[in-house]
Protein backbone atom coordinates (compact mmCIF):
# COMPACT_ATOMS: atom_id res chain seq x y z
CA MET A 1 -71.47 -8.41 14.81
CA ALA A 2 -68.31 -10.51 14.65
CA VAL A 3 -67.41 -11.58 11.14
CA ALA A 4 -64.67 -13.75 9.67
CA THR A 5 -62.03 -11.67 7.94
CA GLN A 6 -59.83 -12.50 4.99
CA VAL A 7 -56.21 -13.31 5.82
CA THR A 8 -53.87 -11.09 3.78
CA GLN A 9 -50.66 -11.24 5.82
CA PRO A 10 -48.33 -13.96 4.49
CA VAL A 11 -47.25 -16.70 6.88
CA THR A 12 -43.56 -17.26 7.53
CA SER A 13 -43.67 -20.96 6.71
CA THR A 14 -42.24 -22.23 3.43
CA TYR A 15 -45.71 -23.66 2.82
CA SER A 16 -48.73 -21.54 1.97
CA ILE A 17 -51.82 -21.76 4.15
CA PHE A 18 -53.49 -24.06 1.63
CA ASP A 19 -50.38 -26.24 1.40
CA GLN A 20 -50.52 -26.74 5.15
CA ILE A 21 -54.25 -27.49 5.12
CA SER A 22 -53.87 -29.93 2.23
CA GLU A 23 -50.89 -31.73 3.74
CA MET A 24 -53.00 -33.07 6.63
CA ASP A 25 -56.20 -33.33 4.56
CA HIS A 26 -58.36 -30.88 6.49
CA GLU A 27 -61.92 -30.20 5.45
CA GLN A 28 -62.20 -26.60 6.62
CA VAL A 29 -60.26 -23.93 8.49
CA VAL A 30 -61.96 -20.78 9.76
CA PHE A 31 -60.06 -17.61 10.72
CA CYS A 32 -61.99 -15.43 13.16
CA HIS A 33 -61.37 -11.86 14.27
CA ASP A 34 -63.25 -9.35 16.40
CA LYS A 35 -61.52 -6.05 17.06
CA ALA A 36 -63.81 -4.92 19.88
CA SER A 37 -63.15 -7.94 22.12
CA GLY A 38 -59.61 -8.61 20.89
CA LEU A 39 -60.53 -12.07 19.66
CA LYS A 40 -58.12 -13.72 17.22
CA CYS A 41 -58.75 -17.40 16.69
CA ILE A 42 -58.51 -20.28 14.26
CA ILE A 43 -61.00 -23.16 14.10
CA ALA A 44 -59.66 -26.22 12.29
CA ILE A 45 -62.03 -28.98 11.19
CA HIS A 46 -60.05 -32.01 10.12
CA ASN A 47 -62.51 -34.81 9.42
CA THR A 48 -66.24 -35.41 9.92
CA VAL A 49 -66.58 -38.94 8.50
CA LEU A 50 -67.56 -40.37 11.88
CA GLY A 51 -69.66 -37.41 12.99
CA PRO A 52 -69.41 -33.72 13.89
CA SER A 53 -65.93 -32.58 14.87
CA LEU A 54 -65.36 -32.14 18.59
CA GLY A 55 -62.27 -30.67 20.19
CA GLY A 56 -61.28 -28.14 22.78
CA THR A 57 -60.41 -24.48 22.52
CA ARG A 58 -56.79 -23.74 23.39
CA PHE A 59 -55.94 -20.24 24.64
CA TRP A 60 -52.22 -19.66 24.15
CA ASN A 61 -49.82 -16.78 23.53
CA TYR A 62 -48.34 -18.04 20.26
CA SER A 63 -45.18 -16.41 18.96
CA SER A 64 -46.72 -16.05 15.50
CA ASP A 65 -49.94 -16.60 13.58
CA ASP A 66 -48.21 -19.35 11.63
CA GLU A 67 -47.37 -21.18 14.85
CA ALA A 68 -51.02 -20.91 15.91
CA LEU A 69 -52.20 -22.31 12.58
CA LYS A 70 -49.76 -25.21 12.76
CA ASP A 71 -50.94 -26.06 16.27
CA ALA A 72 -54.60 -25.93 15.26
CA LEU A 73 -53.95 -28.23 12.30
CA ARG A 74 -51.94 -30.77 14.28
CA LEU A 75 -54.34 -30.77 17.22
CA SER A 76 -57.46 -31.19 15.09
CA ARG A 77 -55.91 -34.09 13.19
CA GLY A 78 -55.07 -35.70 16.51
CA MET A 79 -58.69 -35.37 17.60
CA THR A 80 -59.84 -37.26 14.49
CA TYR A 81 -57.54 -40.15 15.34
CA LYS A 82 -58.43 -39.99 19.03
CA ALA A 83 -62.16 -40.25 18.37
CA ALA A 84 -61.65 -42.98 15.77
CA ILE A 85 -59.49 -45.26 17.89
CA THR A 86 -61.68 -44.73 20.96
CA GLY A 87 -64.78 -45.89 19.09
CA LEU A 88 -66.64 -42.59 19.28
CA TYR A 89 -68.99 -41.31 16.58
CA LEU A 90 -67.26 -37.96 16.31
CA GLY A 91 -64.84 -36.23 13.99
CA GLY A 92 -61.77 -34.17 14.78
CA GLY A 93 -61.66 -30.43 15.27
CA LYS A 94 -59.77 -27.93 17.39
CA ALA A 95 -59.65 -24.20 17.97
CA VAL A 96 -56.89 -21.92 19.16
CA ILE A 97 -57.36 -18.43 20.57
CA ILE A 98 -54.24 -16.30 20.29
CA GLY A 99 -53.46 -14.44 23.52
CA ASP A 100 -52.41 -14.71 27.15
CA SER A 101 -55.04 -16.73 29.00
CA ARG A 102 -53.98 -15.19 32.30
CA LYS A 103 -54.56 -11.62 31.06
CA ASP A 104 -56.76 -11.52 27.98
CA LYS A 105 -59.87 -13.47 28.95
CA SER A 106 -63.22 -11.66 29.02
CA GLU A 107 -66.89 -12.45 28.73
CA SER A 108 -67.15 -10.47 25.49
CA LEU A 109 -64.26 -12.39 23.91
CA PHE A 110 -65.72 -15.80 24.67
CA ARG A 111 -69.23 -14.77 23.64
CA ARG A 112 -67.92 -13.46 20.31
CA TYR A 113 -66.09 -16.74 19.91
CA GLY A 114 -69.33 -18.58 20.70
CA LYS A 115 -70.98 -16.76 17.80
CA PHE A 116 -68.32 -18.03 15.43
CA VAL A 117 -68.78 -21.59 16.69
CA ASN A 118 -72.53 -21.24 16.25
CA SER A 119 -72.11 -20.05 12.66
CA LEU A 120 -70.72 -23.49 11.77
CA SER A 121 -74.14 -25.03 12.56
CA GLY A 122 -72.83 -27.99 14.54
CA LYS A 123 -70.00 -29.07 12.27
CA TYR A 124 -67.67 -28.11 15.12
CA ILE A 125 -68.42 -28.63 18.83
CA THR A 126 -66.04 -27.00 21.25
CA ALA A 127 -64.85 -27.81 24.78
CA GLU A 128 -62.12 -26.69 27.15
CA ASP A 129 -58.41 -27.20 26.61
CA VAL A 130 -55.14 -25.63 27.74
CA GLY A 131 -55.87 -22.09 28.93
CA THR A 132 -59.66 -22.47 29.09
CA SER A 133 -62.03 -23.73 31.77
CA LYS A 134 -65.59 -24.89 32.36
CA GLU A 135 -66.43 -21.31 33.40
CA ASP A 136 -65.28 -20.09 29.99
CA MET A 137 -67.52 -22.72 28.37
CA GLU A 138 -70.45 -21.20 30.23
CA TRP A 139 -69.85 -17.87 28.49
CA ILE A 140 -69.59 -19.64 25.12
CA ALA A 141 -72.86 -21.45 25.85
CA ARG A 142 -74.62 -18.09 26.00
CA GLU A 143 -74.17 -17.88 22.22
CA THR A 144 -74.24 -21.50 21.01
CA LYS A 145 -75.48 -24.95 21.93
CA TYR A 146 -72.44 -26.52 20.27
CA VAL A 147 -70.28 -26.60 23.40
CA THR A 148 -69.41 -29.30 25.94
CA GLY A 149 -67.36 -29.41 29.13
CA LEU A 150 -70.02 -27.34 30.86
CA PRO A 151 -70.30 -26.99 34.66
CA GLU A 152 -72.33 -29.62 36.47
CA TYR A 153 -75.05 -27.11 37.40
CA MET A 154 -75.67 -26.62 33.67
CA GLY A 155 -76.06 -30.35 33.12
CA GLY A 156 -72.48 -30.86 31.96
CA GLY A 157 -69.74 -33.16 33.12
CA GLY A 158 -67.60 -30.38 34.54
CA ASP A 159 -63.83 -30.38 34.29
CA PRO A 160 -62.75 -33.32 32.06
CA SER A 161 -59.18 -33.24 33.39
CA PRO A 162 -59.66 -35.99 36.00
CA PHE A 163 -60.74 -38.39 33.25
CA THR A 164 -57.88 -37.36 30.99
CA ALA A 165 -55.52 -38.14 33.87
CA LEU A 166 -57.24 -41.47 34.52
CA GLY A 167 -56.72 -42.50 30.90
CA VAL A 168 -53.06 -41.51 30.98
CA TYR A 169 -52.64 -43.46 34.19
CA MET A 170 -54.23 -46.52 32.54
CA GLY A 171 -51.97 -46.17 29.51
CA MET A 172 -48.92 -45.74 31.71
CA LYS A 173 -49.74 -48.93 33.60
CA ALA A 174 -50.18 -50.79 30.31
CA ALA A 175 -46.77 -49.55 29.19
CA ALA A 176 -45.25 -50.66 32.51
CA LYS A 177 -46.73 -54.14 31.99
CA GLN A 178 -45.22 -54.27 28.51
CA VAL A 179 -41.75 -53.19 29.66
CA TYR A 180 -41.45 -54.57 33.18
CA GLY A 181 -43.76 -57.59 33.07
CA ASN A 182 -46.28 -56.17 35.54
CA ASP A 183 -48.24 -52.93 35.70
CA SER A 184 -47.24 -51.78 39.17
CA LEU A 185 -45.79 -48.27 39.31
CA SER A 186 -44.55 -48.66 42.88
CA GLY A 187 -41.00 -47.39 43.16
CA LYS A 188 -40.93 -46.22 39.54
CA LYS A 189 -39.44 -42.77 39.01
CA VAL A 190 -41.92 -40.71 36.98
CA MET A 191 -41.22 -37.25 35.58
CA VAL A 192 -44.44 -35.27 35.16
CA GLN A 193 -43.76 -32.30 32.92
CA GLY A 194 -46.59 -29.83 33.48
CA VAL A 195 -48.79 -29.96 36.58
CA GLY A 196 -51.83 -28.04 35.40
CA HIS A 197 -55.28 -29.61 35.63
CA VAL A 198 -54.34 -32.97 34.12
CA GLY A 199 -50.81 -33.25 35.49
CA ALA A 200 -51.96 -32.52 39.03
CA HIS A 201 -54.56 -35.30 38.88
CA LEU A 202 -51.98 -37.68 37.42
CA VAL A 203 -49.66 -36.95 40.35
CA ASN A 204 -52.45 -38.03 42.68
CA TYR A 205 -52.79 -41.41 40.94
CA LEU A 206 -49.02 -41.91 40.98
CA GLU A 207 -48.77 -41.12 44.68
CA GLN A 208 -51.45 -43.70 45.46
CA GLU A 209 -49.18 -46.30 43.84
CA ASP A 210 -46.13 -45.10 45.77
CA ALA A 211 -44.27 -43.98 42.68
CA LYS A 212 -41.30 -41.62 43.00
CA ILE A 213 -42.63 -38.41 41.46
CA LEU A 214 -40.62 -35.59 39.89
CA ILE A 215 -42.48 -32.52 38.63
CA THR A 216 -41.71 -29.42 36.62
CA ASP A 217 -43.81 -26.55 35.30
CA LEU A 218 -43.41 -23.06 33.87
CA TYR A 219 -45.66 -21.57 36.55
CA ASP A 220 -44.49 -21.35 40.16
CA ASP A 221 -48.02 -21.28 41.57
CA ARG A 222 -48.77 -24.68 40.06
CA ILE A 223 -45.55 -26.12 41.49
CA ALA A 224 -46.41 -24.71 44.91
CA ALA A 225 -49.95 -26.09 44.86
CA VAL A 226 -48.89 -29.62 43.94
CA SER A 227 -45.89 -29.62 46.28
CA LYS A 228 -48.15 -28.64 49.16
CA LYS A 229 -50.45 -31.62 48.61
CA HIS A 230 -48.06 -34.34 47.46
CA ASN A 231 -44.65 -35.79 48.16
CA VAL A 232 -42.79 -34.73 45.02
CA ILE A 233 -39.34 -33.64 43.89
CA VAL A 234 -39.34 -30.31 42.06
CA VAL A 235 -37.08 -30.09 39.03
CA ASN A 236 -36.18 -26.88 37.24
CA ALA A 237 -37.64 -26.94 33.72
CA ASP A 238 -34.22 -26.23 32.22
CA ALA A 239 -32.73 -29.21 34.05
CA LEU A 240 -35.40 -31.77 33.16
CA TYR A 241 -33.16 -33.78 30.85
CA ASP A 242 -30.32 -33.86 33.38
CA HIS A 243 -32.27 -36.45 35.36
CA ASP A 244 -32.75 -40.18 34.94
CA PHE A 245 -36.30 -41.50 35.32
CA ASP A 246 -38.20 -44.63 34.39
CA ILE A 247 -41.20 -42.90 32.85
CA TYR A 248 -41.50 -39.51 31.17
CA ALA A 249 -45.01 -38.04 31.29
CA PRO A 250 -45.26 -34.86 29.18
CA CYS A 251 -48.46 -33.13 30.29
CA ALA A 252 -47.98 -29.60 28.94
CA LEU A 253 -47.68 -28.58 25.30
CA GLY A 254 -46.61 -30.87 22.47
CA ALA A 255 -43.43 -31.53 20.49
CA THR A 256 -41.23 -32.10 23.54
CA ILE A 257 -39.82 -35.17 21.78
CA ASN A 258 -37.73 -33.43 19.14
CA ASP A 259 -34.26 -33.19 17.62
CA ASP A 260 -32.91 -31.30 20.64
CA THR A 261 -34.32 -33.54 23.39
CA ILE A 262 -34.53 -37.08 22.10
CA ASP A 263 -30.83 -37.86 22.62
CA LEU A 264 -31.05 -36.49 26.17
CA LEU A 265 -33.91 -38.72 27.28
CA ARG A 266 -32.93 -41.42 29.76
CA CYS A 267 -36.10 -43.41 30.40
CA SER A 268 -37.86 -46.62 29.39
CA ILE A 269 -41.37 -45.31 28.78
CA ILE A 270 -43.05 -42.16 27.49
CA ALA A 271 -46.68 -41.88 28.57
CA GLY A 272 -48.23 -38.46 29.05
CA ALA A 273 -51.26 -36.28 28.45
CA ALA A 274 -49.84 -33.71 26.03
CA ASN A 275 -51.05 -33.80 22.44
CA ASN A 276 -48.60 -34.26 19.55
CA GLN A 277 -45.65 -35.19 21.74
CA LEU A 278 -43.55 -36.24 18.75
CA ALA A 279 -42.39 -33.17 16.85
CA ASP A 280 -42.15 -35.35 13.74
CA GLU A 281 -43.97 -38.68 13.97
CA LYS A 282 -41.98 -40.53 11.35
CA VAL A 283 -38.57 -39.32 12.50
CA HIS A 284 -38.93 -39.31 16.26
CA GLY A 285 -41.25 -42.31 16.48
CA GLN A 286 -38.58 -44.43 14.82
CA LEU A 287 -35.77 -42.94 16.89
CA LEU A 288 -37.60 -43.93 20.09
CA VAL A 289 -37.71 -47.51 18.85
CA GLU A 290 -33.98 -47.41 18.19
CA LYS A 291 -33.34 -46.01 21.67
CA GLY A 292 -35.46 -48.77 23.24
CA ILE A 293 -38.05 -46.34 24.65
CA LEU A 294 -41.67 -47.51 24.57
CA TYR A 295 -44.02 -44.74 23.48
CA ALA A 296 -47.67 -44.90 24.52
CA PRO A 297 -49.35 -42.87 21.71
CA ASP A 298 -50.72 -39.67 23.18
CA PHE A 299 -54.05 -39.61 21.35
CA VAL A 300 -54.78 -43.11 22.65
CA ILE A 301 -54.08 -42.65 26.33
CA ASN A 302 -55.27 -39.04 26.76
CA ALA A 303 -58.75 -39.79 25.37
CA GLY A 304 -60.47 -39.77 28.77
CA GLY A 305 -61.29 -36.08 28.52
CA LEU A 306 -62.84 -36.55 25.08
CA ILE A 307 -64.88 -39.48 26.36
CA ASN A 308 -66.16 -37.28 29.17
CA VAL A 309 -67.26 -34.34 27.02
CA ALA A 310 -68.66 -36.67 24.33
CA MET A 311 -70.92 -38.18 26.97
CA GLU A 312 -72.56 -34.78 27.42
CA LEU A 313 -73.96 -35.14 23.90
CA GLN A 314 -75.94 -38.14 25.18
CA SER A 315 -77.16 -38.61 28.74
CA TYR A 316 -74.20 -37.80 30.97
CA ASN A 317 -73.18 -40.55 33.37
CA SER A 318 -69.84 -40.24 35.18
CA GLU A 319 -69.75 -43.95 36.05
CA ARG A 320 -70.02 -44.85 32.38
CA VAL A 321 -67.26 -42.36 31.57
CA THR A 322 -65.01 -44.07 34.11
CA VAL A 323 -65.71 -47.52 32.65
CA GLU A 324 -65.04 -46.32 29.10
CA THR A 325 -61.85 -44.52 30.14
CA GLU A 326 -60.48 -47.57 31.93
CA LYS A 327 -60.70 -49.45 28.62
CA ILE A 328 -57.66 -47.42 27.54
CA TYR A 329 -55.53 -49.95 29.45
CA HIS A 330 -56.39 -52.86 27.14
CA ARG A 331 -56.54 -50.64 24.04
CA THR A 332 -52.95 -49.56 24.69
CA LEU A 333 -51.81 -53.17 25.08
CA GLU A 334 -53.52 -54.02 21.78
CA ILE A 335 -51.54 -51.27 20.06
CA PHE A 336 -48.29 -52.55 21.53
CA ALA A 337 -49.15 -56.04 20.25
CA HIS A 338 -50.00 -54.68 16.79
CA ALA A 339 -46.72 -52.77 16.67
CA LYS A 340 -44.74 -55.84 17.69
CA GLN A 341 -46.50 -58.11 15.20
CA LYS A 342 -45.86 -55.75 12.27
CA ASN A 343 -42.47 -54.54 13.55
CA ILE A 344 -43.50 -50.88 13.37
CA PRO A 345 -43.35 -47.98 15.86
CA THR A 346 -46.26 -47.74 18.26
CA TYR A 347 -47.41 -44.38 16.87
CA LYS A 348 -47.80 -46.00 13.44
CA ALA A 349 -49.68 -48.96 14.88
CA ALA A 350 -52.16 -46.58 16.53
CA ASN A 351 -52.49 -44.56 13.33
CA GLU A 352 -53.19 -47.68 11.28
CA ILE A 353 -55.98 -48.83 13.60
CA ALA A 354 -57.61 -45.38 13.59
CA GLU A 355 -57.25 -45.00 9.80
CA GLU A 356 -58.80 -48.39 9.16
CA ARG A 357 -61.96 -47.38 11.04
CA LEU A 358 -62.12 -44.08 9.17
CA ARG A 359 -61.74 -45.88 5.83
CA SER A 360 -64.39 -48.46 6.59
CA ILE A 361 -66.97 -45.88 7.67
CA ALA A 362 -66.15 -43.64 4.69
CA ILE A 363 -66.82 -46.58 2.35
CA LEU A 364 -70.07 -47.32 4.19
CA ASN A 365 -71.18 -43.70 3.87
CA SER A 366 -70.39 -43.66 0.14
CA ARG A 367 -72.77 -46.59 -0.46
CA ARG A 368 -75.79 -44.87 1.06
């Protein structure tokens, strides 16, 4: 039987594990290991004030255990804010499995992982994320009921990526309206960094609006698949910042807005699907303001996937998911207005709105 094991190897960060957990105010972090299947994973539960934590399982070949922990902590915090600002009755959680998703997947690994999820008795509900799929969720569901993003034939909503892309598209149009005076993307040059599940669907929306689409990705097969279906310009990943574009849409991993890249960006808008796009919120959020680049907060506009999997916890209805996801357009405009009124960066405006809901519900719960 898979059991959680004590972590004895020191992390390389200047902060201890508990320092890192405390810094973002997490409730619980679970380290999981199963030698037989090769499973190494971290489940981070950030906040359950609004309800059980829900967040996907990321399968990624991290360079270190410390990097994996940092990602789990940042991602789970983002899920708390995403659920809060979207009006869902869910908390924030996330899991990362350490390994190469193209080589290390197996039924035994995901079923062992499902046992760990089940041991949390519903405090954490998992779903798919980068490196995992609805088929992987089916294996997990063999061991626990606390899983969403299931295939349609199992009563689930299937791949949530189309709804994530729809939300990003809505947020991008809202940003265009704020910057250009109207929300048309026709003729706008959009750089889509990462054309996996979400990025590929976003390209489809952009093409329907006759945008000029540039794409880049680490994997040649993804580039080939999207190039075959759509009229796009392929850009080498190393040359991304050599190009001018109107809108930058990071749709791969986070922290692409950092000390090395921010001075190289030549665009008016950042609106993408990746989580935690700002390597340091306070530093890089303010620098974007100073550069005159409008940032559509990632956890606001990429919430379509969460809306989709959350609907599985009720009575799944794809039409209702679409309606709720399209609300991201007006929600994004409200954040821009809040930021302008208070003269603060857009990331901070979004954080304030999410934190206010969390505070109000926490106070309500304390009075019961």
